[in-house]
Amino acid sequence: MSNPSDSRPRPCVYCRKAPAAPAFRPFCSEGCRSRDLNAWLSDRYVLPAGSEADELSDISALDNDDEAG
């Protein structure tokens, strides 16, 4: 069974003012979708880092001082 509250329009995840349009879901327009993408690309949104060291900071075998040949 579907929940009746699921049928009501959800607000735009960016501006929270207009309901999300099916063509741009979960945004209300191309403008909100573009502004959200720009925020990600300009590092305004940041994902929390884990407590473990970054996987790229591990030293690989190529980083050793050994010279090949």
PDB file of N, CA and C in Angstrom:
ATOM      1  N   MET A   1       0.829  -1.195   0.000  1.00  0.00           N
ATOM      2  CA  MET A   1       0.000   0.000   0.000  1.00  0.00           C
ATOM      3  C   MET A   1       0.866   1.248   0.000  1.00  0.00           C
ATOM      4  N   SER A   2       0.440   2.248  -0.711  1.00  0.00           N
ATOM      5  CA  SER A   2       1.207   3.492  -0.735  1.00  0.00           C
ATOM      6  C   SER A   2       0.692   4.426   0.360  1.00  0.00           C
ATOM      7  N   ASN A   3       1.590   5.177   0.882  1.00  0.00           N
ATOM      8  CA  ASN A   3       1.286   6.126   1.941  1.00  0.00           C
ATOM      9  C   ASN A   3       0.710   7.400   1.309  1.00  0.00           C
ATOM     10  N   PRO A   4      -0.451   7.892   1.757  1.00  0.00           N
ATOM     11  CA  PRO A   4      -1.038   9.096   1.165  1.00  0.00           C
ATOM     12  C   PRO A   4      -0.135  10.311   1.275  1.00  0.00           C
ATOM     13  N   SER A   5       0.720  10.378   2.284  1.00  0.00           N
ATOM     14  CA  SER A   5       1.589  11.545   2.429  1.00  0.00           C
ATOM     15  C   SER A   5       2.684  11.565   1.368  1.00  0.00           C
ATOM     16  N   ASP A   6       2.940  10.410   0.713  1.00  0.00           N
ATOM     17  CA  ASP A   6       3.950  10.355  -0.340  1.00  0.00           C
ATOM     18  C   ASP A   6       3.472  11.009  -1.625  1.00  0.00           C
ATOM     19  N   SER A   7       2.179  11.230  -1.783  1.00  0.00           N
ATOM     20  CA  SER A   7       1.652  11.787  -3.020  1.00  0.00           C
ATOM     21  C   SER A   7       1.708  13.313  -3.063  1.00  0.00           C
ATOM     22  N   ARG A   8       1.933  13.954  -1.938  1.00  0.00           N
ATOM     23  CA  ARG A   8       1.995  15.416  -1.954  1.00  0.00           C
ATOM     24  C   ARG A   8       3.338  15.868  -2.528  1.00  0.00           C
ATOM     25  N   PRO A   9       3.350  16.986  -3.232  1.00  0.00           N
ATOM     26  CA  PRO A   9       4.588  17.452  -3.850  1.00  0.00           C
ATOM     27  C   PRO A   9       5.638  17.820  -2.804  1.00  0.00           C
ATOM     28  N   ARG A  10       6.855  17.423  -3.063  1.00  0.00           N
ATOM     29  CA  ARG A  10       7.963  17.741  -2.158  1.00  0.00           C
ATOM     30  C   ARG A  10       8.613  19.038  -2.614  1.00  0.00           C
ATOM     31  N   PRO A  11       9.140  19.805  -1.666  1.00  0.00           N
ATOM     32  CA  PRO A  11       9.784  21.061  -2.059  1.00  0.00           C
ATOM     33  C   PRO A  11      11.125  20.805  -2.750  1.00  0.00           C
ATOM     34  N   CYS A  12      11.550  21.784  -3.505  1.00  0.00           N
ATOM     35  CA  CYS A  12      12.851  21.752  -4.172  1.00  0.00           C
ATOM     36  C   CYS A  12      13.932  21.608  -3.104  1.00  0.00           C
ATOM     37  N   VAL A  13      14.900  20.719  -3.328  1.00  0.00           N
ATOM     38  CA  VAL A  13      15.955  20.502  -2.339  1.00  0.00           C
ATOM     39  C   VAL A  13      16.938  21.662  -2.274  1.00  0.00           C
ATOM     40  N   TYR A  14      16.914  22.549  -3.265  1.00  0.00           N
ATOM     41  CA  TYR A  14      17.841  23.690  -3.245  1.00  0.00           C
ATOM     42  C   TYR A  14      17.193  24.937  -2.650  1.00  0.00           C
ATOM     43  N   CYS A  15      16.076  25.374  -3.218  1.00  0.00           N
ATOM     44  CA  CYS A  15      15.464  26.629  -2.757  1.00  0.00           C
ATOM     45  C   CYS A  15      14.397  26.416  -1.693  1.00  0.00           C
ATOM     46  N   ARG A  16      13.861  25.216  -1.599  1.00  0.00           N
ATOM     47  CA  ARG A  16      12.816  24.858  -0.626  1.00  0.00           C
ATOM     48  C   ARG A  16      11.530  25.683  -0.786  1.00  0.00           C
ATOM     49  N   LYS A  17      11.390  26.444  -1.855  1.00  0.00           N
ATOM     50  CA  LYS A  17      10.212  27.294  -2.045  1.00  0.00           C
ATOM     51  C   LYS A  17       9.173  26.642  -2.948  1.00  0.00           C
ATOM     52  N   ALA A  18       9.600  26.218  -4.114  1.00  0.00           N
ATOM     53  CA  ALA A  18       8.671  25.668  -5.091  1.00  0.00           C
ATOM     54  C   ALA A  18       8.678  24.144  -5.013  1.00  0.00           C
ATOM     55  N   PRO A  19       7.581  23.528  -5.397  1.00  0.00           N
ATOM     56  CA  PRO A  19       7.586  22.062  -5.429  1.00  0.00           C
ATOM     57  C   PRO A  19       8.506  21.547  -6.529  1.00  0.00           C
ATOM     58  N   ALA A  20       9.096  20.400  -6.306  1.00  0.00           N
ATOM     59  CA  ALA A  20       9.991  19.805  -7.295  1.00  0.00           C
ATOM     60  C   ALA A  20       9.207  19.458  -8.554  1.00  0.00           C
ATOM     61  N   ALA A  21       9.763  19.807  -9.696  1.00  0.00           N
ATOM     62  CA  ALA A  21       9.134  19.505 -10.973  1.00  0.00           C
ATOM     63  C   ALA A  21       9.587  18.129 -11.438  1.00  0.00           C
ATOM     64  N   PRO A  22       8.687  17.322 -11.993  1.00  0.00           N
ATOM     65  CA  PRO A  22       9.074  15.979 -12.438  1.00  0.00           C
ATOM     66  C   PRO A  22      10.265  15.986 -13.396  1.00  0.00           C
ATOM     67  N   ALA A  23      10.366  16.981 -14.251  1.00  0.00           N
ATOM     68  CA  ALA A  23      11.453  17.029 -15.228  1.00  0.00           C
ATOM     69  C   ALA A  23      12.804  17.327 -14.588  1.00  0.00           C
ATOM     70  N   PHE A  24      12.814  17.967 -13.422  1.00  0.00           N
ATOM     71  CA  PHE A  24      14.063  18.377 -12.782  1.00  0.00           C
ATOM     72  C   PHE A  24      14.238  17.770 -11.395  1.00  0.00           C
ATOM     73  N   ARG A  25      13.410  16.807 -11.034  1.00  0.00           N
ATOM     74  CA  ARG A  25      13.414  16.230  -9.701  1.00  0.00           C
ATOM     75  C   ARG A  25      14.815  15.902  -9.243  1.00  0.00           C
ATOM     76  N   PRO A  26      15.254  16.243  -8.088  1.00  0.00           N
ATOM     77  CA  PRO A  26      14.514  16.772  -6.945  1.00  0.00           C
ATOM     78  C   PRO A  26      14.492  18.301  -6.887  1.00  0.00           C
ATOM     79  N   PHE A  27      14.809  18.957  -8.008  1.00  0.00           N
ATOM     80  CA  PHE A  27      14.808  20.418  -8.065  1.00  0.00           C
ATOM     81  C   PHE A  27      13.530  20.929  -8.709  1.00  0.00           C
ATOM     82  N   CYS A  28      13.271  22.229  -8.558  1.00  0.00           N
ATOM     83  CA  CYS A  28      12.058  22.800  -9.146  1.00  0.00           C
ATOM     84  C   CYS A  28      12.301  23.333 -10.552  1.00  0.00           C
ATOM     85  N   SER A  29      13.569  23.559 -10.899  1.00  0.00           N
ATOM     86  CA  SER A  29      13.873  24.134 -12.202  1.00  0.00           C
ATOM     87  C   SER A  29      15.316  23.834 -12.595  1.00  0.00           C
ATOM     88  N   GLU A  30      15.628  24.134 -13.842  1.00  0.00           N
ATOM     89  CA  GLU A  30      17.002  23.996 -14.329  1.00  0.00           C
ATOM     90  C   GLU A  30      17.925  24.946 -13.571  1.00  0.00           C
ATOM     91  N   GLY A  31      17.410  26.118 -13.188  1.00  0.00           N
ATOM     92  CA  GLY A  31      18.214  27.088 -12.442  1.00  0.00           C
ATOM     93  C   GLY A  31      18.675  26.541 -11.095  1.00  0.00           C
ATOM     94  N   CYS A  32      17.777  25.939 -10.336  1.00  0.00           N
ATOM     95  CA  CYS A  32      18.156  25.378  -9.032  1.00  0.00           C
ATOM     96  C   CYS A  32      19.106  24.200  -9.216  1.00  0.00           C
ATOM     97  N   ARG A  33      18.881  23.405 -10.247  1.00  0.00           N
ATOM     98  CA  ARG A  33      19.784  22.283 -10.508  1.00  0.00           C
ATOM     99  C   ARG A  33      21.183  22.797 -10.835  1.00  0.00           C
ATOM    100  N   SER A  34      21.288  23.850 -11.650  1.00  0.00           N
ATOM    101  CA  SER A  34      22.584  24.418 -12.014  1.00  0.00           C
ATOM    102  C   SER A  34      23.268  25.068 -10.818  1.00  0.00           C
ATOM    103  N   ARG A  35      22.518  25.779  -9.987  1.00  0.00           N
ATOM    104  CA  ARG A  35      23.110  26.412  -8.798  1.00  0.00           C
ATOM    105  C   ARG A  35      23.629  25.366  -7.820  1.00  0.00           C
ATOM    106  N   ASP A  36      22.922  24.256  -7.683  1.00  0.00           N
ATOM    107  CA  ASP A  36      23.368  23.185  -6.802  1.00  0.00           C
ATOM    108  C   ASP A  36      24.654  22.551  -7.337  1.00  0.00           C
ATOM    109  N   LEU A  37      24.712  22.293  -8.640  1.00  0.00           N
ATOM    110  CA  LEU A  37      25.915  21.736  -9.241  1.00  0.00           C
ATOM    111  C   LEU A  37      27.093  22.694  -9.065  1.00  0.00           C
ATOM    112  N   ASN A  38      26.859  23.991  -9.264  1.00  0.00           N
ATOM    113  CA  ASN A  38      27.913  24.991  -9.083  1.00  0.00           C
ATOM    114  C   ASN A  38      28.421  24.991  -7.644  1.00  0.00           C
ATOM    115  N   ALA A  39      27.532  24.817  -6.683  1.00  0.00           N
ATOM    116  CA  ALA A  39      27.949  24.773  -5.279  1.00  0.00           C
ATOM    117  C   ALA A  39      28.867  23.580  -5.025  1.00  0.00           C
ATOM    118  N   TRP A  40      28.560  22.426  -5.620  1.00  0.00           N
ATOM    119  CA  TRP A  40      29.442  21.262  -5.473  1.00  0.00           C
ATOM    120  C   TRP A  40      30.787  21.511  -6.131  1.00  0.00           C
ATOM    121  N   LEU A  41      30.770  22.070  -7.340  1.00  0.00           N
ATOM    122  CA  LEU A  41      32.005  22.287  -8.090  1.00  0.00           C
ATOM    123  C   LEU A  41      32.897  23.358  -7.469  1.00  0.00           C
ATOM    124  N   SER A  42      32.314  24.284  -6.728  1.00  0.00           N
ATOM    125  CA  SER A  42      33.108  25.345  -6.110  1.00  0.00           C
ATOM    126  C   SER A  42      33.414  25.039  -4.640  1.00  0.00           C
ATOM    127  N   ASP A  43      33.226  23.787  -4.237  1.00  0.00           N
ATOM    128  CA  ASP A  43      33.560  23.311  -2.881  1.00  0.00           C
ATOM    129  C   ASP A  43      32.790  23.996  -1.764  1.00  0.00           C
ATOM    130  N   ARG A  44      31.574  24.469  -2.044  1.00  0.00           N
ATOM    131  CA  ARG A  44      30.741  24.999  -0.961  1.00  0.00           C
ATOM    132  C   ARG A  44      30.107  23.882  -0.149  1.00  0.00           C
ATOM    133  N   TYR A  45      29.953  22.723  -0.769  1.00  0.00           N
ATOM    134  CA  TYR A  45      29.483  21.545  -0.057  1.00  0.00           C
ATOM    135  C   TYR A  45      30.703  20.673   0.233  1.00  0.00           C
ATOM    136  N   VAL A  46      30.779  20.144   1.435  1.00  0.00           N
ATOM    137  CA  VAL A  46      31.911  19.303   1.801  1.00  0.00           C
ATOM    138  C   VAL A  46      31.392  18.049   2.480  1.00  0.00           C
ATOM    139  N   LEU A  47      31.874  16.919   2.045  1.00  0.00           N
ATOM    140  CA  LEU A  47      31.527  15.664   2.699  1.00  0.00           C
ATOM    141  C   LEU A  47      32.432  15.487   3.905  1.00  0.00           C
ATOM    142  N   PRO A  48      31.896  15.039   5.037  1.00  0.00           N
ATOM    143  CA  PRO A  48      32.737  14.853   6.221  1.00  0.00           C
ATOM    144  C   PRO A  48      33.759  13.753   5.980  1.00  0.00           C
ATOM    145  N   ALA A  49      34.976  13.986   6.454  1.00  0.00           N
ATOM    146  CA  ALA A  49      36.046  13.008   6.301  1.00  0.00           C
ATOM    147  C   ALA A  49      35.938  11.950   7.380  1.00  0.00           C
ATOM    148  N   GLY A  50      36.393  10.759   7.064  1.00  0.00           N
ATOM    149  CA  GLY A  50      36.401   9.675   8.034  1.00  0.00           C
ATOM    150  C   GLY A  50      37.566   9.836   8.990  1.00  0.00           C
ATOM    151  N   SER A  51      37.604   9.029  10.015  1.00  0.00           N
ATOM    152  CA  SER A  51      38.665   9.111  11.004  1.00  0.00           C
ATOM    153  C   SER A  51      39.945   8.436  10.515  1.00  0.00           C
ATOM    154  N   GLU A  52      39.834   7.613   9.486  1.00  0.00           N
ATOM    155  CA  GLU A  52      40.999   6.940   8.945  1.00  0.00           C
ATOM    156  C   GLU A  52      41.736   7.872   7.985  1.00  0.00           C
ATOM    157  N   ALA A  53      43.002   7.587   7.762  1.00  0.00           N
ATOM    158  CA  ALA A  53      43.807   8.389   6.839  1.00  0.00           C
ATOM    159  C   ALA A  53      43.246   8.263   5.429  1.00  0.00           C
ATOM    160  N   ASP A  54      43.473   9.269   4.639  1.00  0.00           N
ATOM    161  CA  ASP A  54      43.021   9.284   3.256  1.00  0.00           C
ATOM    162  C   ASP A  54      43.696   8.149   2.488  1.00  0.00           C
ATOM    163  N   GLU A  55      42.941   7.451   1.656  1.00  0.00           N
ATOM    164  CA  GLU A  55      43.507   6.323   0.930  1.00  0.00           C
ATOM    165  C   GLU A  55      44.605   6.754  -0.026  1.00  0.00           C
ATOM    166  N   LEU A  56      44.587   8.006  -0.475  1.00  0.00           N
ATOM    167  CA  LEU A  56      45.617   8.487  -1.375  1.00  0.00           C
ATOM    168  C   LEU A  56      46.914   8.837  -0.643  1.00  0.00           C
ATOM    169  N   SER A  57      46.882   8.907   0.662  1.00  0.00           N
ATOM    170  CA  SER A  57      48.078   9.263   1.408  1.00  0.00           C
ATOM    171  C   SER A  57      48.953   8.051   1.718  1.00  0.00           C
ATOM    172  N   ASP A  58      48.486   6.852   1.410  1.00  0.00           N
ATOM    173  CA  ASP A  58      49.288   5.651   1.640  1.00  0.00           C
ATOM    174  C   ASP A  58      50.507   5.661   0.726  1.00  0.00           C
ATOM    175  N   ILE A  59      51.613   5.191   1.227  1.00  0.00           N
ATOM    176  CA  ILE A  59      52.839   5.127   0.435  1.00  0.00           C
ATOM    177  C   ILE A  59      52.814   3.856  -0.378  1.00  0.00           C
ATOM    178  N   SER A  60      53.027   3.984  -1.662  1.00  0.00           N
ATOM    179  CA  SER A  60      53.027   2.812  -2.526  1.00  0.00           C
ATOM    180  C   SER A  60      54.465   2.350  -2.750  1.00  0.00           C
ATOM    181  N   ALA A  61      54.610   1.203  -3.390  1.00  0.00           N
ATOM    182  CA  ALA A  61      55.937   0.661  -3.667  1.00  0.00           C
ATOM    183  C   ALA A  61      56.718   1.590  -4.581  1.00  0.00           C
ATOM    184  N   LEU A  62      56.035   2.361  -5.414  1.00  0.00           N
ATOM    185  CA  LEU A  62      56.726   3.279  -6.314  1.00  0.00           C
ATOM    186  C   LEU A  62      57.306   4.478  -5.585  1.00  0.00           C
ATOM    187  N   ASP A  63      56.864   4.730  -4.346  1.00  0.00           N
ATOM    188  CA  ASP A  63      57.353   5.876  -3.593  1.00  0.00           C
ATOM    189  C   ASP A  63      58.627   5.592  -2.821  1.00  0.00           C
ATOM    190  N   ASN A  64      59.108   4.357  -2.857  1.00  0.00           N
ATOM    191  CA  ASN A  64      60.329   4.005  -2.128  1.00  0.00           C
ATOM    192  C   ASN A  64      61.540   4.662  -2.789  1.00  0.00           C
ATOM    193  N   ASP A  65      62.643   4.755  -2.053  1.00  0.00           N
ATOM    194  CA  ASP A  65      63.861   5.364  -2.570  1.00  0.00           C
ATOM    195  C   ASP A  65      64.634   4.412  -3.484  1.00  0.00           C
ATOM    196  N   ASP A  66      64.177   3.183  -3.626  1.00  0.00           N
ATOM    197  CA  ASP A  66      64.885   2.213  -4.471  1.00  0.00           C
ATOM    198  C   ASP A  66      64.821   2.648  -5.921  1.00  0.00           C
ATOM    199  N   GLU A  67      65.955   2.558  -6.592  1.00  0.00           N
ATOM    200  CA  GLU A  67      66.014   2.881  -8.010  1.00  0.00           C
ATOM    201  C   GLU A  67      65.904   1.600  -8.806  1.00  0.00           C
ATOM    202  N   ALA A  68      65.155   1.637  -9.856  1.00  0.00           N
ATOM    203  CA  ALA A  68      65.037   0.459 -10.711  1.00  0.00           C
ATOM    204  C   ALA A  68      66.253   0.375 -11.624  1.00  0.00           C
ATOM    205  N   GLY A  69      66.771  -0.865 -11.843  1.00  0.00           N
ATOM    206  CA  GLY A  69      67.804  -1.129 -12.804  1.00  0.00           C
ATOM    207  C   GLY A  69      69.128  -0.778 -12.359  1.00  0.00           C
TER     208      GLY A  69
END
